[in-house]
Amino acid sequence: MWKIIRYIGRAPEGLTFEERFYAPYDSIYREQAALHKFDAYFKKGDTHYFLVSRRAPSLVDKRVATGGRFILNEKNKLTEYEEVFRTWKMVPDTLAKRELVLFDKFVRGESLTAYETKNSNGVEYIEFPDERTYYDKTSRSWKVR
C-alpha cells in the first residue's frame, strides 16, 4: 500500500504532484493508507495487479474501488503505475461481488468495455474511464478530455 498510496489516496489540497512525495507529508499518507484496503492482489512476472477500496462519501455506507497495476525495479522503486478502472460508489456487499468480476477479467487481460457505464445496461460497475475521463499514465492521474 505504501508504494501506491500517494497516487491512490487523496492529496492535501494545494499540493503539486511532486510535493506529494515530500517526507513532511508522510503522516498524512499513513492516515490515507489506513483508510484503504486491498480487496485483491495478484503478481504475474514483474507486474503487480491491485484492487483497492475505500469508504466513499455517502449518506449510507458505500465504498469505491480502483483496479490497476504497477511495476517495481530491482531496487524496489516504482517504475510504472496505472489505474485501469474505478468503480461507482456501492454498498459493500454489491461492491465485493462486482469488483472481483472486474479484477478477474482485468488480470486475465480481458476487455472491460462491457462494464463501462455506456455499455452496462444500467448496472453500475465502472465509473471511469468513460467518454470524458481517462487515466494518463504519464502524469499518473485521471484527466478529463
Protein backbone atom coordinates (compact mmCIF):
# COMPACT_ATOMS: atom_id res chain seq x y z
CA MET A 1 0.00 0.00 0.00
CA TRP A 2 2.84 2.37 0.85
CA LYS A 3 4.17 2.16 -2.74
CA ILE A 4 0.89 3.38 -4.27
CA ILE A 5 -0.91 5.43 -1.60
CA ARG A 6 0.44 8.76 -2.85
CA TYR A 7 -1.32 8.09 -6.14
CA ILE A 8 -4.49 6.41 -4.95
CA GLY A 9 -5.03 8.43 -1.78
CA ARG A 10 -6.35 11.96 -1.59
CA ALA A 11 -3.61 14.57 -1.65
CA PRO A 12 -3.82 17.52 0.72
CA GLU A 13 -5.38 20.49 -1.05
CA GLY A 14 -2.96 22.71 -2.91
CA LEU A 15 -0.07 20.26 -3.21
CA THR A 16 1.72 19.91 -6.51
CA PHE A 17 2.30 16.42 -7.89
CA GLU A 18 5.93 16.44 -6.75
CA GLU A 19 5.07 17.70 -3.26
CA ARG A 20 3.02 14.55 -2.58
CA PHE A 21 6.29 12.67 -2.21
CA TYR A 22 7.95 15.02 0.30
CA ALA A 23 8.71 13.44 3.69
CA PRO A 24 6.79 16.07 5.73
CA TYR A 25 3.56 14.62 4.24
CA ASP A 26 4.31 11.02 5.27
CA SER A 27 1.94 11.18 8.25
CA ILE A 28 -0.94 12.33 6.02
CA TYR A 29 -0.35 9.42 3.68
CA ARG A 30 -0.09 6.97 6.57
CA GLU A 31 -3.60 8.13 7.55
CA GLN A 32 -4.72 7.70 3.93
CA ALA A 33 -3.26 4.17 3.81
CA ALA A 34 -5.28 3.24 6.90
CA LEU A 35 -8.48 4.28 5.07
CA HIS A 36 -7.76 1.97 2.12
CA LYS A 37 -7.69 -1.80 1.90
CA PHE A 38 -6.53 -4.35 -0.61
CA ASP A 39 -9.55 -6.32 -1.81
CA ALA A 40 -7.43 -8.30 -4.28
CA TYR A 41 -3.79 -8.53 -5.26
CA PHE A 42 -2.02 -10.65 -7.87
CA LYS A 43 1.52 -10.72 -9.16
CA LYS A 44 2.39 -12.02 -12.62
CA GLY A 45 6.03 -11.67 -13.58
CA ASP A 46 7.13 -8.13 -12.74
CA THR A 47 3.58 -6.78 -12.78
CA HIS A 48 1.63 -6.29 -9.56
CA TYR A 49 -2.16 -6.09 -10.05
CA PHE A 50 -4.18 -4.43 -7.31
CA LEU A 51 -7.77 -3.82 -6.32
CA VAL A 52 -8.02 -1.25 -3.54
CA SER A 53 -11.18 0.15 -1.96
CA ARG A 54 -12.01 2.94 0.43
CA ARG A 55 -15.12 4.31 2.08
CA ALA A 56 -16.91 6.76 -0.21
CA PRO A 57 -18.73 9.93 0.82
CA SER A 58 -22.40 8.96 1.05
CA LEU A 59 -25.41 9.13 3.35
CA VAL A 60 -25.26 5.33 3.65
CA ASP A 61 -22.22 3.06 3.94
CA LYS A 62 -20.68 2.82 0.47
CA ARG A 63 -17.26 2.03 -0.92
CA VAL A 64 -15.46 2.71 -4.17
CA ALA A 65 -12.71 0.53 -5.66
CA THR A 66 -9.80 1.16 -8.01
CA GLY A 67 -8.09 -1.52 -10.05
CA GLY A 68 -4.67 -1.07 -11.54
CA ARG A 69 -1.14 -2.32 -11.93
CA PHE A 70 2.41 -1.31 -11.15
CA ILE A 71 5.97 -2.48 -11.69
CA LEU A 72 8.87 -2.21 -9.26
CA ASN A 73 12.51 -2.21 -10.34
CA GLU A 74 15.32 -4.29 -8.79
CA LYS A 75 15.73 -1.60 -6.09
CA ASN A 76 12.04 -1.90 -5.16
CA LYS A 77 11.25 1.53 -6.65
CA LEU A 78 8.00 2.08 -8.53
CA THR A 79 8.79 2.45 -12.24
CA GLU A 80 5.32 2.11 -13.77
CA TYR A 81 1.87 2.80 -12.34
CA GLU A 82 -1.57 2.77 -13.93
CA GLU A 83 -5.12 2.89 -12.63
CA VAL A 84 -7.24 0.94 -15.12
CA PHE A 85 -10.72 1.36 -13.66
CA ARG A 86 -12.61 2.98 -10.82
CA THR A 87 -15.99 1.67 -9.77
CA TRP A 88 -19.11 3.56 -8.88
CA LYS A 89 -19.85 4.01 -5.18
CA MET A 90 -21.63 0.86 -3.98
CA VAL A 91 -22.82 -0.72 -0.78
CA PRO A 92 -20.06 -3.07 0.42
CA ASP A 93 -21.81 -6.36 -0.47
CA THR A 94 -22.55 -5.26 -4.02
CA LEU A 95 -19.06 -3.84 -4.49
CA ALA A 96 -17.46 -7.06 -3.25
CA LYS A 97 -19.22 -9.09 -5.95
CA ARG A 98 -18.81 -6.67 -8.84
CA GLU A 99 -15.24 -5.58 -8.18
CA LEU A 100 -13.96 -9.16 -8.18
CA VAL A 101 -15.58 -9.85 -11.55
CA LEU A 102 -13.77 -6.80 -12.92
CA PHE A 103 -10.47 -7.69 -11.29
CA ASP A 104 -10.54 -11.26 -12.58
CA LYS A 105 -11.16 -10.11 -16.15
CA PHE A 106 -8.53 -7.38 -15.81
CA VAL A 107 -5.83 -9.78 -14.61
CA ARG A 108 -6.70 -12.21 -17.41
CA GLY A 109 -6.28 -9.40 -19.95
CA GLU A 110 -9.94 -9.46 -20.99
CA SER A 111 -11.78 -6.34 -22.11
CA LEU A 112 -13.74 -4.39 -19.51
CA THR A 113 -15.67 -2.40 -22.12
CA ALA A 114 -18.94 -4.24 -21.42
CA TYR A 115 -18.79 -3.00 -17.81
CA GLU A 116 -18.37 0.69 -18.66
CA THR A 117 -21.49 2.73 -17.89
CA LYS A 118 -22.42 3.31 -21.55
CA ASN A 119 -22.44 -0.47 -22.16
CA SER A 120 -23.64 -1.96 -18.86
CA ASN A 121 -27.42 -1.64 -19.40
CA GLY A 122 -27.97 0.43 -16.26
CA VAL A 123 -25.96 -1.84 -13.94
CA GLU A 124 -23.25 0.21 -12.25
CA TYR A 125 -19.77 -1.26 -12.49
CA ILE A 126 -17.13 1.13 -13.88
CA GLU A 127 -17.47 4.88 -13.43
CA PHE A 128 -14.07 5.67 -15.01
CA PRO A 129 -12.83 5.53 -17.68
CA ASP A 130 -15.74 6.84 -19.70
CA GLU A 131 -16.26 9.03 -22.78
CA ARG A 132 -14.81 12.06 -21.00
CA THR A 133 -12.47 10.71 -18.32
CA TYR A 134 -9.31 8.69 -18.91
CA TYR A 135 -6.21 7.71 -16.99
CA ASP A 136 -2.98 9.36 -18.14
CA LYS A 137 -0.05 7.05 -17.40
CA THR A 138 2.50 9.83 -17.89
CA SER A 139 1.06 12.10 -15.18
CA ARG A 140 -0.31 9.14 -13.21
CA SER A 141 -3.67 10.84 -12.80
CA TRP A 142 -7.23 10.85 -14.13
CA LYS A 143 -7.88 13.54 -16.74
CA VAL A 144 -10.94 14.98 -18.46
CA ARG A 145 -10.94 15.37 -22.25
